[in-house]
Amino acid sequence: MNYYQSKTLKSKDLASLRSKVEAGLKEVGFGVLTEIDIQATMKKKLDKDYPPFLILGACNPVFADKVLTTEPHVSTLLPCNVTIRSLGGDDYEVSMMDPAAAMSVVDNPEIEPLAGEVRAKLVGMLEGL
């Protein structure tokens, strides 16, 4: 099982694509809780140049509540990360973690169907971009 899925898209800039990704997430019940700007962080911490690259921590509160109620330590695997990174020019890759792969390490059979539902929602978002 692959731990992520991705799609390459054309965009005039990262900000435009980010708006599109966030709208897609919202359509499937997710919001963005966190953001890590890899480009800015690596420049500041290591003085290393990276292309535009964001990690968005996406969360669907209904599913988060279900998995946390079932298995509180799942919090170490949340939120679901969605990344946007420049491949050069107007090419960008949008990637998402596969929640089913991430949650497969949890020894609780009640988590598997929930992770599958979250995966389906995120894959639908990615395919809709």
C-alpha atoms as a PDB file:
ATOM      1  CA  MET A   1       0.000   0.000   0.000  1.00  0.00           C
ATOM      2  CA  ASN A   2       1.413   3.386  -0.988  1.00  0.00           C
ATOM      3  CA  TYR A   3       1.468   5.944   1.829  1.00  0.00           C
ATOM      4  CA  TYR A   4       0.428   8.862  -0.385  1.00  0.00           C
ATOM      5  CA  GLN A   5      -1.377   9.820  -3.579  1.00  0.00           C
ATOM      6  CA  SER A   6      -0.535  12.765  -5.776  1.00  0.00           C
ATOM      7  CA  LYS A   7      -1.556  14.693  -8.833  1.00  0.00           C
ATOM      8  CA  THR A   8       0.409  17.135 -10.988  1.00  0.00           C
ATOM      9  CA  LEU A   9      -1.404  20.323 -11.947  1.00  0.00           C
ATOM     10  CA  LYS A  10      -0.707  23.550 -13.790  1.00  0.00           C
ATOM     11  CA  SER A  11      -1.085  26.783 -11.859  1.00  0.00           C
ATOM     12  CA  LYS A  12       0.116  30.348 -12.275  1.00  0.00           C
ATOM     13  CA  ASP A  13       1.303  30.327  -8.651  1.00  0.00           C
ATOM     14  CA  LEU A  14       1.167  28.487  -5.353  1.00  0.00           C
ATOM     15  CA  ALA A  15      -1.361  30.861  -3.793  1.00  0.00           C
ATOM     16  CA  SER A  16      -3.925  30.215  -6.544  1.00  0.00           C
ATOM     17  CA  LEU A  17      -3.501  26.481  -6.264  1.00  0.00           C
ATOM     18  CA  ARG A  18      -3.676  26.622  -2.489  1.00  0.00           C
ATOM     19  CA  SER A  19      -7.059  28.358  -2.721  1.00  0.00           C
ATOM     20  CA  LYS A  20      -8.277  25.639  -5.070  1.00  0.00           C
ATOM     21  CA  VAL A  21      -6.999  22.876  -2.756  1.00  0.00           C
ATOM     22  CA  GLU A  22      -8.603  24.479   0.304  1.00  0.00           C
ATOM     23  CA  ALA A  23     -11.917  24.813  -1.562  1.00  0.00           C
ATOM     24  CA  GLY A  24     -11.704  21.142  -2.535  1.00  0.00           C
ATOM     25  CA  LEU A  25     -11.004  20.158   1.056  1.00  0.00           C
ATOM     26  CA  LYS A  26     -13.939  22.218   2.263  1.00  0.00           C
ATOM     27  CA  GLU A  27     -16.243  20.463  -0.220  1.00  0.00           C
ATOM     28  CA  VAL A  28     -15.446  17.121   1.444  1.00  0.00           C
ATOM     29  CA  GLY A  29     -15.735  18.429   5.014  1.00  0.00           C
ATOM     30  CA  PHE A  30     -12.117  19.324   5.804  1.00  0.00           C
ATOM     31  CA  GLY A  31     -10.567  22.516   7.071  1.00  0.00           C
ATOM     32  CA  VAL A  32      -6.911  23.466   7.336  1.00  0.00           C
ATOM     33  CA  LEU A  33      -5.694  23.557  10.939  1.00  0.00           C
ATOM     34  CA  THR A  34      -1.980  24.002  10.354  1.00  0.00           C
ATOM     35  CA  GLU A  35       0.438  25.179   7.720  1.00  0.00           C
ATOM     36  CA  ILE A  36       4.157  24.629   7.360  1.00  0.00           C
ATOM     37  CA  ASP A  37       5.933  26.699   4.746  1.00  0.00           C
ATOM     38  CA  ILE A  38       8.855  24.418   3.904  1.00  0.00           C
ATOM     39  CA  GLN A  39      10.494  27.012   1.650  1.00  0.00           C
ATOM     40  CA  ALA A  40      10.544  29.693   4.355  1.00  0.00           C
ATOM     41  CA  THR A  41      11.442  27.294   7.168  1.00  0.00           C
ATOM     42  CA  MET A  42      14.411  25.737   5.385  1.00  0.00           C
ATOM     43  CA  LYS A  43      15.709  29.144   4.377  1.00  0.00           C
ATOM     44  CA  LYS A  44      15.448  30.438   7.930  1.00  0.00           C
ATOM     45  CA  LYS A  45      16.769  27.333   9.725  1.00  0.00           C
ATOM     46  CA  LEU A  46      19.346  26.011   7.244  1.00  0.00           C
ATOM     47  CA  ASP A  47      19.833  28.873   4.781  1.00  0.00           C
ATOM     48  CA  LYS A  48      18.841  26.368   2.103  1.00  0.00           C
ATOM     49  CA  ASP A  49      16.784  27.274  -0.937  1.00  0.00           C
ATOM     50  CA  TYR A  50      13.671  25.227  -1.644  1.00  0.00           C
ATOM     51  CA  PRO A  51      11.028  25.802  -4.288  1.00  0.00           C
ATOM     52  CA  PRO A  52       7.576  26.861  -3.034  1.00  0.00           C
ATOM     53  CA  PHE A  53       6.371  24.002  -0.843  1.00  0.00           C
ATOM     54  CA  LEU A  54       3.534  23.914   1.716  1.00  0.00           C
ATOM     55  CA  ILE A  55       2.276  21.259   4.101  1.00  0.00           C
ATOM     56  CA  LEU A  56      -1.360  21.797   5.047  1.00  0.00           C
ATOM     57  CA  GLY A  57      -2.699  19.941   8.077  1.00  0.00           C
ATOM     58  CA  ALA A  58      -6.259  19.089   7.070  1.00  0.00           C
ATOM     59  CA  CYS A  59      -8.937  17.895   9.468  1.00  0.00           C
ATOM     60  CA  ASN A  60     -12.494  16.680   9.219  1.00  0.00           C
ATOM     61  CA  PRO A  61     -13.803  17.228  12.778  1.00  0.00           C
ATOM     62  CA  VAL A  62     -16.500  14.544  12.509  1.00  0.00           C
ATOM     63  CA  PHE A  63     -13.974  11.849  11.612  1.00  0.00           C
ATOM     64  CA  ALA A  64     -11.364  13.201  14.025  1.00  0.00           C
ATOM     65  CA  ASP A  65     -13.915  12.874  16.824  1.00  0.00           C
ATOM     66  CA  LYS A  66     -14.779   9.315  15.800  1.00  0.00           C
ATOM     67  CA  VAL A  67     -11.177   8.092  15.696  1.00  0.00           C
ATOM     68  CA  LEU A  68     -10.131   9.953  18.846  1.00  0.00           C
ATOM     69  CA  THR A  69     -13.097   8.518  20.733  1.00  0.00           C
ATOM     70  CA  THR A  70     -12.166   5.043  19.520  1.00  0.00           C
ATOM     71  CA  GLU A  71      -8.405   5.357  20.004  1.00  0.00           C
ATOM     72  CA  PRO A  72      -7.086   8.518  21.738  1.00  0.00           C
ATOM     73  CA  HIS A  73      -3.457   7.853  20.745  1.00  0.00           C
ATOM     74  CA  VAL A  74      -4.442   8.270  17.091  1.00  0.00           C
ATOM     75  CA  SER A  75      -3.864  11.942  17.855  1.00  0.00           C
ATOM     76  CA  THR A  76      -0.198  11.269  17.084  1.00  0.00           C
ATOM     77  CA  LEU A  77      -1.207  10.598  13.456  1.00  0.00           C
ATOM     78  CA  LEU A  78      -3.409  13.670  13.004  1.00  0.00           C
ATOM     79  CA  PRO A  79      -4.056  15.872  11.079  1.00  0.00           C
ATOM     80  CA  CYS A  80      -4.057  14.500   7.534  1.00  0.00           C
ATOM     81  CA  ASN A  81      -1.297  16.190   5.566  1.00  0.00           C
ATOM     82  CA  VAL A  82      -1.868  17.604   2.105  1.00  0.00           C
ATOM     83  CA  THR A  83       1.173  19.086   0.381  1.00  0.00           C
ATOM     84  CA  ILE A  84       1.595  21.487  -2.488  1.00  0.00           C
ATOM     85  CA  ARG A  85       5.031  21.859  -4.032  1.00  0.00           C
ATOM     86  CA  SER A  86       6.429  23.500  -7.088  1.00  0.00           C
ATOM     87  CA  LEU A  87       7.979  21.210  -9.673  1.00  0.00           C
ATOM     88  CA  GLY A  88       9.227  24.183 -11.683  1.00  0.00           C
ATOM     89  CA  GLY A  89       7.543  26.495 -14.125  1.00  0.00           C
ATOM     90  CA  ASP A  90       3.793  26.272 -13.748  1.00  0.00           C
ATOM     91  CA  ASP A  91       3.825  22.614 -12.656  1.00  0.00           C
ATOM     92  CA  TYR A  92       2.814  21.777  -9.084  1.00  0.00           C
ATOM     93  CA  GLU A  93       2.285  18.521  -7.288  1.00  0.00           C
ATOM     94  CA  VAL A  94      -0.545  18.154  -4.799  1.00  0.00           C
ATOM     95  CA  SER A  95      -0.060  15.123  -2.552  1.00  0.00           C
ATOM     96  CA  MET A  96      -2.106  13.677   0.269  1.00  0.00           C
ATOM     97  CA  MET A  97      -1.231  11.183   2.924  1.00  0.00           C
ATOM     98  CA  ASP A  98      -3.183   7.956   2.714  1.00  0.00           C
ATOM     99  CA  PRO A  99      -5.033   7.775   6.044  1.00  0.00           C
ATOM    100  CA  ALA A 100      -5.654   4.051   5.588  1.00  0.00           C
ATOM    101  CA  ALA A 101      -1.905   3.437   5.265  1.00  0.00           C
ATOM    102  CA  ALA A 102      -1.098   5.723   8.210  1.00  0.00           C
ATOM    103  CA  MET A 103      -3.750   4.178  10.441  1.00  0.00           C
ATOM    104  CA  SER A 104      -2.738   0.622   9.516  1.00  0.00           C
ATOM    105  CA  VAL A 105      -0.185   0.790  12.340  1.00  0.00           C
ATOM    106  CA  VAL A 106      -2.987   1.176  14.891  1.00  0.00           C
ATOM    107  CA  ASP A 107      -3.984  -2.146  16.396  1.00  0.00           C
ATOM    108  CA  ASN A 108      -7.697  -1.413  16.526  1.00  0.00           C
ATOM    109  CA  PRO A 109     -10.073  -2.908  13.930  1.00  0.00           C
ATOM    110  CA  GLU A 110     -12.625  -0.124  14.518  1.00  0.00           C
ATOM    111  CA  ILE A 111     -10.212   2.407  12.989  1.00  0.00           C
ATOM    112  CA  GLU A 112      -9.855   0.703   9.594  1.00  0.00           C
ATOM    113  CA  PRO A 113     -13.303   1.561   8.161  1.00  0.00           C
ATOM    114  CA  LEU A 114     -13.040   5.154   9.409  1.00  0.00           C
ATOM    115  CA  ALA A 115      -9.619   5.550   7.802  1.00  0.00           C
ATOM    116  CA  GLY A 116     -11.057   4.135   4.581  1.00  0.00           C
ATOM    117  CA  GLU A 117     -13.842   6.714   4.592  1.00  0.00           C
ATOM    118  CA  VAL A 118     -11.387   9.558   5.177  1.00  0.00           C
ATOM    119  CA  ARG A 119      -9.173   8.205   2.397  1.00  0.00           C
ATOM    120  CA  ALA A 120     -12.137   8.164  -0.011  1.00  0.00           C
ATOM    121  CA  LYS A 121     -12.952  11.788   0.804  1.00  0.00           C
ATOM    122  CA  LEU A 122      -9.359  12.949   0.296  1.00  0.00           C
ATOM    123  CA  VAL A 123      -8.952  10.953  -2.921  1.00  0.00           C
ATOM    124  CA  GLY A 124     -12.185  12.522  -4.189  1.00  0.00           C
ATOM    125  CA  MET A 125     -10.794  15.964  -3.409  1.00  0.00           C
ATOM    126  CA  LEU A 126      -7.545  15.191  -5.203  1.00  0.00           C
ATOM    127  CA  GLU A 127      -9.308  13.762  -8.254  1.00  0.00           C
ATOM    128  CA  GLY A 128     -11.585  16.823  -8.374  1.00  0.00           C
ATOM    129  CA  LEU A 129      -8.702  19.284  -8.701  1.00  0.00           C
END
